């Protein structure tokens, strides 16, 4: 497969802007598309995303546009970086304007399609067809640190190995490592499910329950992620790698995480609406918890931490009562027999 030289980044929030900056620093021709001229025009003039990445200078080589056909014309690849609830609508807008010779579509969006619960690669296949190569970019990567060119690592998963490697090469640089893999469903599960588990660890820390409790929750949360991925036909190594463990540790321990901050607020006694309003950005875990538990029900799988987070987010239990019910569970082996880790 040819190398990617020209790429359109769709979505000018913190993560889209950070990835556009990374790609421009790697000498790709980058067009950054956003819906709102009142946000994008000042960004291009000041070379700064003052709303989401204040104080960080953006490379001068990025082209900014609110014209989607213009953004897509002549591009080798597309990188979608919008919230999961906007993913399908964005692809529907893209569909009539797909450039000839497009190498493929990648996304750095984490979560499921609201309502259907579909994985995002399933949404992309449904809208754009299965023939177009597709890849997910995921892993432990706070946007602000990537925009500052601090050392980071992600993984790119696709059913098309050549496209995964092409996307990874375009991202890879002196301070940014990009790996590749072919467990796209497992990589997407890790990127979505860690948001639910970050709420749990945030609640734990908000209640000041200590570092032992936080480490236990992260580890047992990883166990839930691993068991669900294996039920879905994914591989254990995906979950113990950057897409699972890496993203889980970052999101559960780093205060730049919106989902951890949501949990901290809930653990301190703040109501859910007030906590979400305080954060001021999309918090994926509120919807993702429902989709994770819907998947678990399909396999009759017990996910005690995720289920308690769902109950807290729906106001069905308090953080304190959710914790009490977790601690009251019977003793059991750490891993069920036949999990297939050997």
Protein backbone atom coordinates (compact mmCIF):
# COMPACT_ATOMS: atom_id res chain seq x y z
CA UNK A 1 0.00 0.00 0.00
CA UNK A 2 1.19 3.53 -0.77
CA UNK A 3 2.31 5.81 2.05
CA UNK A 4 -0.04 8.48 3.31
CA UNK A 5 1.16 11.96 2.29
CA UNK A 6 -2.11 13.95 2.52
CA UNK A 7 -4.65 13.46 5.30
CA UNK A 8 -7.87 15.16 6.39
CA UNK A 9 -8.52 15.25 10.14
CA UNK A 10 -12.26 15.57 10.79
CA UNK A 11 -13.00 17.07 14.18
CA UNK A 12 -11.27 20.11 15.68
CA UNK A 13 -11.64 19.36 19.39
CA UNK A 14 -8.66 18.72 21.65
CA UNK A 15 -7.78 15.27 20.25
CA UNK A 16 -8.38 16.15 16.61
CA UNK A 17 -6.24 19.28 16.94
CA UNK A 18 -3.47 17.36 18.73
CA UNK A 19 -3.38 14.66 16.04
CA UNK A 20 -3.43 17.24 13.25
CA UNK A 21 -0.44 18.91 14.92
CA UNK A 22 1.41 15.58 15.20
CA UNK A 23 0.79 14.73 11.54
CA UNK A 24 1.90 18.19 10.41
CA UNK A 25 5.09 17.87 12.48
CA UNK A 26 5.64 14.59 10.64
CA UNK A 27 5.57 16.55 7.35
CA UNK A 28 2.21 15.33 6.06
CA UNK A 29 -0.13 17.70 4.26
CA UNK A 30 -2.92 18.15 6.83
CA UNK A 31 -6.37 19.67 6.52
CA UNK A 32 -8.28 20.10 9.77
CA UNK A 33 -12.05 20.26 9.36
CA UNK A 34 -14.55 21.49 11.93
CA UNK A 35 -18.21 22.46 11.83
CA UNK A 36 -17.98 25.87 13.53
CA UNK A 37 -16.33 28.79 11.72
CA UNK A 38 -16.47 30.83 14.94
CA UNK A 39 -14.06 28.30 16.47
CA UNK A 40 -11.97 27.29 13.46
CA UNK A 41 -11.24 30.71 11.96
CA UNK A 42 -9.68 32.13 15.16
CA UNK A 43 -7.74 28.88 15.59
CA UNK A 44 -6.14 29.25 12.17
CA UNK A 45 -5.40 32.94 12.73
CA UNK A 46 -3.86 32.50 16.19
CA UNK A 47 -2.33 29.04 15.56
CA UNK A 48 -3.84 28.02 18.88
CA UNK A 49 -6.93 26.09 19.95
CA UNK A 50 -7.79 28.46 22.78
CA UNK A 51 -10.88 26.51 23.83
CA UNK A 52 -9.38 23.04 24.21
CA UNK A 53 -5.57 23.41 24.10
CA UNK A 54 -4.86 26.91 25.39
CA UNK A 55 -1.26 28.06 25.39
CA UNK A 56 -0.02 25.45 22.89
CA UNK A 57 1.27 26.74 19.53
CA UNK A 58 0.01 24.81 16.49
CA UNK A 59 2.15 24.15 13.40
CA UNK A 60 1.70 26.74 10.68
CA UNK A 61 1.37 24.09 7.97
CA UNK A 62 -2.15 22.95 8.96
CA UNK A 63 -4.94 24.08 6.62
CA UNK A 64 -8.22 24.88 8.43
CA UNK A 65 -11.61 24.57 6.75
CA UNK A 66 -15.31 24.23 7.52
CA UNK A 67 -15.98 23.12 3.93
CA UNK A 68 -16.13 19.31 4.02
CA UNK A 69 -15.77 18.67 0.23
CA UNK A 70 -12.75 20.98 0.24
CA UNK A 71 -11.27 19.15 3.22
CA UNK A 72 -11.58 15.76 1.48
CA UNK A 73 -10.48 16.63 -2.07
CA UNK A 74 -7.28 14.86 -3.07
CA UNK A 75 -6.67 13.28 0.32
CA UNK A 76 -4.93 9.90 0.69
CA UNK A 77 -6.63 9.06 4.01
CA UNK A 78 -9.21 10.39 6.45
CA UNK A 79 -8.87 10.47 10.23
CA UNK A 80 -12.19 10.97 12.06
CA UNK A 81 -11.86 12.45 15.56
CA UNK A 82 -15.38 13.29 16.71
CA UNK A 83 -17.34 12.01 19.76
CA UNK A 84 -18.95 8.61 19.29
CA UNK A 85 -22.45 10.11 19.19
CA UNK A 86 -21.42 12.16 16.11
CA UNK A 87 -19.50 9.38 14.35
CA UNK A 88 -22.30 8.02 12.13
CA UNK A 89 -23.52 11.49 11.12
CA UNK A 90 -19.99 12.50 10.18
CA UNK A 91 -19.55 9.42 7.97
CA UNK A 92 -22.92 10.08 6.31
CA UNK A 93 -21.69 13.58 5.41
CA UNK A 94 -18.37 12.18 4.17
CA UNK A 95 -19.88 9.45 2.01
CA UNK A 96 -20.87 11.58 -1.04
CA UNK A 97 -17.44 13.24 -1.11
CA UNK A 98 -15.03 10.31 -0.72
CA UNK A 99 -11.96 11.16 -2.84
CA UNK A 100 -10.93 8.85 -5.66
CA UNK A 101 -8.00 6.66 -4.75
CA UNK A 102 -8.63 6.94 -1.00
CA UNK A 103 -6.35 4.50 0.82
CA UNK A 104 -8.70 4.15 3.78
CA UNK A 105 -10.53 5.61 6.76
CA UNK A 106 -9.13 5.75 10.29
CA UNK A 107 -10.68 7.09 13.48
CA UNK A 108 -9.45 8.05 16.93
CA UNK A 109 -12.96 8.02 18.39
CA UNK A 110 -13.66 5.80 21.41
CA UNK A 111 -17.04 4.39 22.33
CA UNK A 112 -20.04 2.69 20.76
CA UNK A 113 -22.81 3.99 18.53
CA UNK A 114 -25.58 5.25 20.85
CA UNK A 115 -28.78 3.26 20.61
CA UNK A 116 -27.55 0.36 18.50
CA UNK A 117 -24.47 -0.35 20.65
CA UNK A 118 -22.55 -1.18 17.47
CA UNK A 119 -18.78 -1.01 17.43
CA UNK A 120 -17.56 1.89 15.32
CA UNK A 121 -15.98 -0.35 12.70
CA UNK A 122 -19.45 -1.89 12.23
CA UNK A 123 -20.90 1.60 11.78
CA UNK A 124 -18.21 2.45 9.22
CA UNK A 125 -18.80 -0.80 7.32
CA UNK A 126 -22.53 -0.14 7.25
CA UNK A 127 -22.22 3.41 5.92
CA UNK A 128 -19.13 3.26 3.69
CA UNK A 129 -19.07 -0.43 2.73
CA UNK A 130 -16.80 -3.25 3.79
CA UNK A 131 -14.38 -2.82 0.87
CA UNK A 132 -12.83 0.44 2.15
CA UNK A 133 -9.88 -0.28 4.48
CA UNK A 134 -10.52 0.95 8.02
CA UNK A 135 -8.46 1.33 11.18
CA UNK A 136 -8.83 2.51 14.76
CA UNK A 137 -6.15 4.61 16.47
CA UNK A 138 -6.22 4.03 20.22
CA UNK A 139 -4.08 3.82 23.33
CA UNK A 140 -2.91 5.91 26.32
CA UNK A 141 -2.71 9.42 24.89
CA UNK A 142 -3.96 12.62 26.46
CA UNK A 143 -4.43 15.24 23.77
CA UNK A 144 -2.60 18.00 25.62
CA UNK A 145 0.56 15.92 26.03
CA UNK A 146 0.54 14.89 22.36
CA UNK A 147 0.10 18.53 21.31
CA UNK A 148 3.09 19.42 23.51
CA UNK A 149 5.13 16.68 21.75
CA UNK A 150 5.67 14.79 25.00
CA UNK A 151 6.53 11.07 24.57
CA UNK A 152 3.42 8.96 23.83
CA UNK A 153 2.50 5.60 22.32
CA UNK A 154 -0.62 4.33 20.54
CA UNK A 155 -1.64 1.31 18.53
CA UNK A 156 -3.43 1.13 15.17
CA UNK A 157 -5.66 -1.90 14.58
CA UNK A 158 -7.26 -2.93 11.30
CA UNK A 159 -8.40 -6.01 9.43
CA UNK A 160 -6.15 -4.68 6.63
CA UNK A 161 -2.55 -5.05 7.85
CA UNK A 162 -1.12 -2.81 5.13
CA UNK A 163 -3.47 0.06 5.98
CA UNK A 164 -2.78 -0.31 9.73
CA UNK A 165 0.93 -0.05 9.07
CA UNK A 166 0.46 2.91 6.73
CA UNK A 167 -1.53 4.83 9.36
CA UNK A 168 1.00 3.89 12.04
CA UNK A 169 3.90 5.13 9.90
CA UNK A 170 2.16 8.46 9.35
CA UNK A 171 1.80 8.95 13.12
CA UNK A 172 5.18 7.58 14.19
CA UNK A 173 7.79 10.19 15.07
CA UNK A 174 10.63 11.10 17.40
CA UNK A 175 8.33 11.52 20.44
CA UNK A 176 5.41 9.40 19.32
CA UNK A 177 5.48 5.63 18.90
CA UNK A 178 2.75 3.98 16.86
CA UNK A 179 2.35 0.20 16.83
CA UNK A 180 -0.03 -1.88 14.71
CA UNK A 181 -2.30 -4.89 15.17
CA UNK A 182 -5.31 -6.65 13.67
CA UNK A 183 -7.77 -7.12 16.57
CA UNK A 184 -9.93 -4.11 15.71
CA UNK A 185 -12.89 -5.19 17.87
CA UNK A 186 -10.69 -5.79 20.91
CA UNK A 187 -8.89 -2.47 20.43
CA UNK A 188 -12.23 -0.64 20.22
CA UNK A 189 -13.54 -2.46 23.30
CA UNK A 190 -10.49 -1.42 25.33
CA UNK A 191 -10.80 2.21 24.27
CA UNK A 192 -14.48 2.32 25.19
CA UNK A 193 -14.60 0.20 28.32
CA UNK A 194 -11.71 1.94 30.09
CA UNK A 195 -13.95 5.02 30.38
CA UNK A 196 -16.42 3.08 32.53
CA UNK A 197 -13.65 1.73 34.75
CA UNK A 198 -12.12 5.20 35.09
CA UNK A 199 -15.36 6.35 36.69
CA UNK A 200 -15.02 3.55 39.24
CA UNK A 201 -11.44 4.49 40.18
CA UNK A 202 -12.37 8.16 40.24
CA UNK A 203 -15.18 7.39 42.70
CA UNK A 204 -12.72 5.37 44.79
CA UNK A 205 -10.28 8.28 44.93
CA UNK A 206 -13.05 10.82 45.48
CA UNK A 207 -14.10 8.81 48.53
CA UNK A 208 -10.42 8.72 49.67
CA UNK A 209 -10.32 4.94 49.89
CA UNK A 210 -6.58 4.68 49.30
CA UNK A 211 -4.07 3.47 46.74
CA UNK A 212 -4.62 -0.22 47.50
CA UNK A 213 -8.28 0.10 46.56
CA UNK A 214 -7.40 2.00 43.37
CA UNK A 215 -4.90 -0.68 42.27
CA UNK A 216 -7.40 -3.43 43.03
CA UNK A 217 -10.11 -1.74 40.98
CA UNK A 218 -7.80 -1.20 37.99
CA UNK A 219 -6.65 -4.82 38.04
CA UNK A 220 -10.10 -6.31 38.46
CA UNK A 221 -11.40 -3.88 35.84
CA UNK A 222 -8.77 -5.21 33.45
CA UNK A 223 -10.09 -8.69 34.23
CA UNK A 224 -13.61 -7.60 33.18
CA UNK A 225 -12.28 -6.10 29.96
CA UNK A 226 -10.29 -9.24 29.20
CA UNK A 227 -13.19 -11.64 29.80
CA UNK A 228 -15.60 -9.64 27.66
CA UNK A 229 -13.11 -9.35 24.81
CA UNK A 230 -12.51 -13.10 24.80
CA UNK A 231 -16.28 -13.68 24.63
CA UNK A 232 -16.35 -11.38 21.58
CA UNK A 233 -13.63 -13.45 19.88
CA UNK A 234 -10.82 -10.99 20.59
CA UNK A 235 -7.34 -11.74 21.85
CA UNK A 236 -5.91 -11.42 25.35
CA UNK A 237 -2.77 -9.62 24.14
CA UNK A 238 -4.86 -6.74 22.82
CA UNK A 239 -6.24 -6.10 26.30
CA UNK A 240 -2.88 -6.39 28.08
CA UNK A 241 -1.34 -3.98 25.55
CA UNK A 242 -1.71 -0.28 24.78
CA UNK A 243 -5.37 -0.52 23.71
CA UNK A 244 -6.39 -2.10 27.02
CA UNK A 245 -4.02 -1.92 29.99
CA UNK A 246 -2.17 1.16 28.73
CA UNK A 247 -5.31 3.22 28.15
CA UNK A 248 -6.90 1.87 31.35
CA UNK A 249 -4.00 2.91 33.60
CA UNK A 250 -3.79 6.38 32.05
CA UNK A 251 -7.51 7.07 32.23
CA UNK A 252 -7.87 5.70 35.76
CA UNK A 253 -4.93 7.63 37.23
CA UNK A 254 -4.54 10.81 35.15
CA UNK A 255 -6.56 13.85 36.16
CA UNK A 256 -6.73 15.03 32.52
CA UNK A 257 -9.26 12.21 32.05
CA UNK A 258 -12.84 13.50 31.89
CA UNK A 259 -14.20 10.13 33.06
CA UNK A 260 -11.89 9.98 36.06
CA UNK A 261 -12.89 13.55 36.95
CA UNK A 262 -16.54 12.53 36.72
CA UNK A 263 -15.88 9.70 39.18
CA UNK A 264 -13.95 12.00 41.53
CA UNK A 265 -16.89 14.40 41.62
CA UNK A 266 -19.40 11.60 42.24
CA UNK A 267 -17.20 10.15 44.98
CA UNK A 268 -17.15 13.55 46.69
CA UNK A 269 -20.94 13.70 46.61
CA UNK A 270 -21.56 15.91 43.56
CA UNK A 271 -24.69 15.06 41.56
CA UNK A 272 -24.27 13.61 38.07
CA UNK A 273 -25.71 16.66 36.20
CA UNK A 274 -23.51 19.04 38.20
CA UNK A 275 -20.43 16.87 37.66
CA UNK A 276 -20.96 16.70 33.88
CA UNK A 277 -21.59 20.46 33.75
CA UNK A 278 -18.36 21.08 35.71
CA UNK A 279 -16.32 19.12 33.18
CA UNK A 280 -17.84 21.00 30.24
CA UNK A 281 -17.01 18.38 27.60
CA UNK A 282 -18.52 15.09 26.40
CA UNK A 283 -18.13 12.34 29.02
CA UNK A 284 -18.34 9.06 27.09
CA UNK A 285 -18.82 6.76 30.09
CA UNK A 286 -22.43 7.75 30.76
CA UNK A 287 -23.61 6.07 27.54
CA UNK A 288 -20.77 3.53 27.28
CA UNK A 289 -21.69 1.82 30.57
CA UNK A 290 -25.07 0.84 29.12
CA UNK A 291 -23.48 -0.60 25.97
CA UNK A 292 -20.88 -2.57 27.94
CA UNK A 293 -23.58 -4.14 30.08
CA UNK A 294 -25.68 -4.90 27.00
CA UNK A 295 -22.72 -6.82 25.57
CA UNK A 296 -22.20 -8.61 28.89
CA UNK A 297 -25.84 -9.69 28.96
CA UNK A 298 -25.45 -11.23 25.50
CA UNK A 299 -22.90 -13.67 26.97
CA UNK A 300 -24.47 -13.93 30.45
CA UNK A 301 -21.22 -12.44 31.76
CA UNK A 302 -20.92 -11.02 35.27
CA UNK A 303 -19.04 -7.68 35.28
CA UNK A 304 -19.43 -6.49 38.88
CA UNK A 305 -17.46 -3.22 38.63
CA UNK A 306 -19.01 -2.12 35.34
CA UNK A 307 -22.51 -2.99 36.54
CA UNK A 308 -22.09 -0.90 39.70
CA UNK A 309 -20.83 2.06 37.65
CA UNK A 310 -23.90 1.76 35.43
CA UNK A 311 -26.17 1.72 38.49
CA UNK A 312 -24.47 4.81 39.96
CA UNK A 313 -24.71 6.69 36.65
CA UNK A 314 -28.44 5.89 36.47
CA UNK A 315 -29.01 6.95 40.07
CA UNK A 316 -30.01 3.42 41.09
CA UNK A 317 -27.40 3.23 43.85
CA UNK A 318 -24.98 5.53 45.63
CA UNK A 319 -21.19 5.20 45.28
CA UNK A 320 -21.00 4.05 48.90
CA UNK A 321 -23.64 1.34 48.47
CA UNK A 322 -22.09 0.23 45.18
CA UNK A 323 -18.75 -0.22 46.93
CA UNK A 324 -20.37 -2.09 49.81
CA UNK A 325 -21.99 -4.57 47.41
CA UNK A 326 -18.65 -5.13 45.64
CA UNK A 327 -16.89 -5.90 48.90
CA UNK A 328 -19.68 -8.25 49.97
CA UNK A 329 -19.14 -10.60 47.00
CA UNK A 330 -18.06 -14.18 47.73
CA UNK A 331 -14.42 -15.23 47.56
CA UNK A 332 -13.49 -16.80 44.21
CA UNK A 333 -10.50 -17.72 42.01
CA UNK A 334 -8.79 -14.71 40.41
CA UNK A 335 -9.35 -16.13 36.89
CA UNK A 336 -12.06 -18.64 35.95
CA UNK A 337 -10.88 -22.02 34.62
CA UNK A 338 -10.50 -22.23 30.86
CA UNK A 339 -10.05 -18.50 30.29
CA UNK A 340 -7.41 -19.28 27.69
CA UNK A 341 -4.55 -17.08 28.85
CA UNK A 342 -1.89 -19.76 28.47
